[in-house]
Amino acid sequence: MIIGTWIAMGILSVAIVLGLVRVVTAPDNATRAVVGDLVFFSAIGLLVLFGILYGSAAVVDAAMLAALLGILATIALARIITRGRR
């Protein structure tokens, strides 16, 4: 269980690093928004794994709240990029 958690943390860390590189090299705002969401939700995944590893319920609760706010931010950003068109 512990080894699997560390492997998952490593994979998410690599995803974050590659995502940050892609944010810098992205050609347009829509790509930056999608990769920004990838980085944000990968960081939430790291937070959840950290909470599981150390048995902290408060960390997992904070991650759930951050995920909810992240979804709302994604919707708002999509509306801004599309200028409110549906």
N, C-alpha and C. Protein backbone atom coordinates (compact mmCIF):
# COMPACT_ATOMS: atom_id res chain seq x y z
N MET A 1 0.83 -1.20 0.00
CA MET A 1 0.00 0.00 0.00
C MET A 1 0.87 1.26 0.00
N ILE A 2 1.89 1.27 0.85
CA ILE A 2 2.73 2.46 0.96
C ILE A 2 3.55 2.65 -0.32
N ILE A 3 4.06 1.55 -0.88
CA ILE A 3 4.85 1.66 -2.11
C ILE A 3 3.98 2.15 -3.25
N GLY A 4 2.75 1.65 -3.33
CA GLY A 4 1.82 2.10 -4.37
C GLY A 4 1.49 3.57 -4.25
N THR A 5 1.36 4.04 -3.02
CA THR A 5 1.09 5.46 -2.79
C THR A 5 2.26 6.31 -3.26
N TRP A 6 3.47 5.89 -2.96
CA TRP A 6 4.65 6.64 -3.39
C TRP A 6 4.80 6.62 -4.90
N ILE A 7 4.48 5.49 -5.53
CA ILE A 7 4.54 5.42 -7.00
C ILE A 7 3.52 6.37 -7.61
N ALA A 8 2.31 6.38 -7.06
CA ALA A 8 1.27 7.29 -7.55
C ALA A 8 1.68 8.75 -7.35
N MET A 9 2.32 9.05 -6.23
CA MET A 9 2.79 10.41 -5.99
C MET A 9 3.87 10.80 -7.01
N GLY A 10 4.72 9.86 -7.35
CA GLY A 10 5.75 10.12 -8.36
C GLY A 10 5.15 10.39 -9.73
N ILE A 11 4.15 9.59 -10.11
CA ILE A 11 3.50 9.78 -11.40
C ILE A 11 2.79 11.13 -11.45
N LEU A 12 2.10 11.49 -10.38
CA LEU A 12 1.43 12.79 -10.35
C LEU A 12 2.43 13.94 -10.36
N SER A 13 3.56 13.76 -9.71
CA SER A 13 4.59 14.80 -9.73
C SER A 13 5.14 15.00 -11.14
N VAL A 14 5.36 13.92 -11.85
CA VAL A 14 5.83 14.02 -13.24
C VAL A 14 4.78 14.71 -14.10
N ALA A 15 3.50 14.38 -13.87
CA ALA A 15 2.42 15.03 -14.63
C ALA A 15 2.39 16.53 -14.37
N ILE A 16 2.63 16.93 -13.14
CA ILE A 16 2.65 18.36 -12.81
C ILE A 16 3.81 19.06 -13.51
N VAL A 17 4.99 18.46 -13.45
CA VAL A 17 6.16 19.08 -14.09
C VAL A 17 5.96 19.19 -15.59
N LEU A 18 5.49 18.12 -16.22
CA LEU A 18 5.25 18.17 -17.67
C LEU A 18 4.14 19.16 -18.02
N GLY A 19 3.14 19.25 -17.16
CA GLY A 19 2.08 20.22 -17.38
C GLY A 19 2.57 21.65 -17.30
N LEU A 20 3.43 21.92 -16.34
CA LEU A 20 3.98 23.28 -16.22
C LEU A 20 4.85 23.64 -17.43
N VAL A 21 5.58 22.66 -17.95
CA VAL A 21 6.36 22.90 -19.16
C VAL A 21 5.42 23.21 -20.32
N ARG A 22 4.32 22.46 -20.41
CA ARG A 22 3.38 22.67 -21.50
C ARG A 22 2.64 24.01 -21.38
N VAL A 23 2.39 24.46 -20.17
CA VAL A 23 1.74 25.77 -19.99
C VAL A 23 2.61 26.86 -20.60
N VAL A 24 3.91 26.75 -20.42
CA VAL A 24 4.84 27.75 -20.96
C VAL A 24 4.88 27.70 -22.48
N THR A 25 4.78 26.50 -23.06
CA THR A 25 4.93 26.35 -24.50
C THR A 25 3.61 26.26 -25.25
N ALA A 26 2.48 26.43 -24.58
CA ALA A 26 1.17 26.28 -25.22
C ALA A 26 0.92 27.40 -26.23
N PRO A 27 0.32 27.07 -27.38
CA PRO A 27 0.11 28.08 -28.42
C PRO A 27 -1.09 29.00 -28.18
N ASP A 28 -2.08 28.57 -27.42
CA ASP A 28 -3.27 29.41 -27.23
C ASP A 28 -3.80 29.29 -25.81
N ASN A 29 -4.77 30.16 -25.50
CA ASN A 29 -5.31 30.21 -24.14
C ASN A 29 -6.09 28.96 -23.77
N ALA A 30 -6.79 28.36 -24.73
CA ALA A 30 -7.58 27.17 -24.42
C ALA A 30 -6.67 26.02 -23.98
N THR A 31 -5.55 25.86 -24.65
CA THR A 31 -4.61 24.80 -24.26
C THR A 31 -4.03 25.08 -22.88
N ARG A 32 -3.72 26.33 -22.62
CA ARG A 32 -3.20 26.68 -21.28
C ARG A 32 -4.24 26.39 -20.20
N ALA A 33 -5.51 26.65 -20.50
CA ALA A 33 -6.57 26.39 -19.53
C ALA A 33 -6.69 24.90 -19.23
N VAL A 34 -6.66 24.08 -20.26
CA VAL A 34 -6.78 22.64 -20.07
C VAL A 34 -5.59 22.09 -19.30
N VAL A 35 -4.39 22.53 -19.65
CA VAL A 35 -3.20 22.05 -18.96
C VAL A 35 -3.15 22.59 -17.53
N GLY A 36 -3.64 23.81 -17.34
CA GLY A 36 -3.73 24.34 -15.99
C GLY A 36 -4.64 23.51 -15.11
N ASP A 37 -5.75 23.03 -15.68
CA ASP A 37 -6.63 22.14 -14.94
C ASP A 37 -5.94 20.82 -14.62
N LEU A 38 -5.17 20.30 -15.56
CA LEU A 38 -4.42 19.07 -15.32
C LEU A 38 -3.47 19.25 -14.14
N VAL A 39 -2.76 20.36 -14.13
CA VAL A 39 -1.81 20.62 -13.04
C VAL A 39 -2.55 20.78 -11.71
N PHE A 40 -3.65 21.50 -11.73
CA PHE A 40 -4.41 21.74 -10.49
C PHE A 40 -4.95 20.44 -9.92
N PHE A 41 -5.58 19.63 -10.77
CA PHE A 41 -6.17 18.40 -10.26
C PHE A 41 -5.11 17.34 -9.94
N SER A 42 -3.97 17.39 -10.59
CA SER A 42 -2.86 16.51 -10.19
C SER A 42 -2.35 16.91 -8.81
N ALA A 43 -2.30 18.20 -8.55
CA ALA A 43 -1.88 18.66 -7.22
C ALA A 43 -2.90 18.23 -6.16
N ILE A 44 -4.17 18.25 -6.50
CA ILE A 44 -5.18 17.77 -5.56
C ILE A 44 -4.99 16.27 -5.32
N GLY A 45 -4.67 15.53 -6.38
CA GLY A 45 -4.38 14.11 -6.21
C GLY A 45 -3.21 13.87 -5.28
N LEU A 46 -2.17 14.69 -5.42
CA LEU A 46 -1.04 14.58 -4.50
C LEU A 46 -1.46 14.86 -3.06
N LEU A 47 -2.32 15.86 -2.91
CA LEU A 47 -2.81 16.21 -1.58
C LEU A 47 -3.61 15.05 -0.96
N VAL A 48 -4.45 14.42 -1.77
CA VAL A 48 -5.23 13.28 -1.28
C VAL A 48 -4.31 12.12 -0.90
N LEU A 49 -3.32 11.83 -1.75
CA LEU A 49 -2.39 10.75 -1.43
C LEU A 49 -1.59 11.04 -0.17
N PHE A 50 -1.22 12.31 0.00
CA PHE A 50 -0.52 12.70 1.22
C PHE A 50 -1.42 12.47 2.44
N GLY A 51 -2.69 12.83 2.31
CA GLY A 51 -3.64 12.62 3.41
C GLY A 51 -3.85 11.15 3.71
N ILE A 52 -3.90 10.32 2.67
CA ILE A 52 -4.05 8.88 2.88
C ILE A 52 -2.80 8.31 3.53
N LEU A 53 -1.65 8.73 3.07
CA LEU A 53 -0.38 8.20 3.59
C LEU A 53 -0.21 8.50 5.08
N TYR A 54 -0.60 9.69 5.49
CA TYR A 54 -0.43 10.08 6.88
C TYR A 54 -1.70 10.00 7.71
N GLY A 55 -2.80 9.52 7.11
CA GLY A 55 -4.03 9.30 7.85
C GLY A 55 -4.71 10.57 8.33
N SER A 56 -4.62 11.62 7.56
CA SER A 56 -5.20 12.89 7.95
C SER A 56 -6.51 13.13 7.22
N ALA A 57 -7.60 13.13 7.97
CA ALA A 57 -8.91 13.36 7.38
C ALA A 57 -9.07 14.83 6.97
N ALA A 58 -8.41 15.73 7.67
CA ALA A 58 -8.53 17.15 7.35
C ALA A 58 -7.94 17.46 5.99
N VAL A 59 -6.86 16.79 5.63
CA VAL A 59 -6.23 17.01 4.33
C VAL A 59 -7.16 16.53 3.22
N VAL A 60 -7.79 15.39 3.42
CA VAL A 60 -8.70 14.87 2.41
C VAL A 60 -9.92 15.78 2.27
N ASP A 61 -10.43 16.31 3.38
CA ASP A 61 -11.54 17.26 3.31
C ASP A 61 -11.15 18.53 2.56
N ALA A 62 -9.95 19.02 2.82
CA ALA A 62 -9.47 20.21 2.11
C ALA A 62 -9.33 19.93 0.62
N ALA A 63 -8.90 18.74 0.27
CA ALA A 63 -8.76 18.37 -1.14
C ALA A 63 -10.13 18.31 -1.82
N MET A 64 -11.14 17.81 -1.13
CA MET A 64 -12.48 17.78 -1.71
C MET A 64 -13.01 19.19 -1.94
N LEU A 65 -12.77 20.08 -1.00
CA LEU A 65 -13.19 21.47 -1.16
C LEU A 65 -12.44 22.12 -2.32
N ALA A 66 -11.16 21.87 -2.43
CA ALA A 66 -10.37 22.42 -3.54
C ALA A 66 -10.85 21.87 -4.88
N ALA A 67 -11.24 20.60 -4.93
CA ALA A 67 -11.74 20.02 -6.17
C ALA A 67 -13.05 20.69 -6.58
N LEU A 68 -13.91 20.95 -5.63
CA LEU A 68 -15.16 21.64 -5.94
C LEU A 68 -14.89 23.03 -6.48
N LEU A 69 -14.00 23.76 -5.85
CA LEU A 69 -13.66 25.09 -6.33
C LEU A 69 -12.96 25.03 -7.68
N GLY A 70 -12.16 23.99 -7.91
CA GLY A 70 -11.49 23.82 -9.19
C GLY A 70 -12.47 23.58 -10.33
N ILE A 71 -13.52 22.81 -10.07
CA ILE A 71 -14.53 22.57 -11.09
C ILE A 71 -15.25 23.87 -11.43
N LEU A 72 -15.58 24.64 -10.41
CA LEU A 72 -16.24 25.93 -10.66
C LEU A 72 -15.32 26.89 -11.42
N ALA A 73 -14.04 26.88 -11.10
CA ALA A 73 -13.09 27.73 -11.81
C ALA A 73 -12.94 27.29 -13.26
N THR A 74 -12.98 25.99 -13.51
CA THR A 74 -12.90 25.48 -14.87
C THR A 74 -14.09 25.95 -15.70
N ILE A 75 -15.26 25.87 -15.12
CA ILE A 75 -16.46 26.33 -15.83
C ILE A 75 -16.38 27.83 -16.10
N ALA A 76 -15.95 28.59 -15.12
CA ALA A 76 -15.84 30.04 -15.31
C ALA A 76 -14.80 30.38 -16.38
N LEU A 77 -13.69 29.69 -16.37
CA LEU A 77 -12.65 29.95 -17.37
C LEU A 77 -13.13 29.57 -18.77
N ALA A 78 -13.87 28.49 -18.86
CA ALA A 78 -14.41 28.10 -20.17
C ALA A 78 -15.38 29.16 -20.69
N ARG A 79 -16.17 29.74 -19.80
CA ARG A 79 -17.09 30.80 -20.20
C ARG A 79 -16.33 32.05 -20.63
N ILE A 80 -15.23 32.36 -19.96
CA ILE A 80 -14.43 33.53 -20.33
C ILE A 80 -13.77 33.31 -21.68
N ILE A 81 -13.21 32.13 -21.90
CA ILE A 81 -12.54 31.86 -23.18
C ILE A 81 -13.51 31.90 -24.34
N THR A 82 -14.71 31.37 -24.15
CA THR A 82 -15.70 31.35 -25.22
C THR A 82 -16.52 32.63 -25.27
N ARG A 83 -16.24 33.55 -24.39
CA ARG A 83 -16.95 34.83 -24.30
C ARG A 83 -18.45 34.64 -24.08
N GLY A 84 -18.81 33.63 -23.31
CA GLY A 84 -20.20 33.40 -22.93
C GLY A 84 -21.04 32.68 -23.95
N ARG A 85 -20.48 32.31 -25.10
CA ARG A 85 -21.26 31.56 -26.09
C ARG A 85 -21.46 30.14 -25.60
N ARG A 86 -22.59 29.57 -25.98
CA ARG A 86 -22.88 28.18 -25.57
C ARG A 86 -22.72 27.26 -26.72
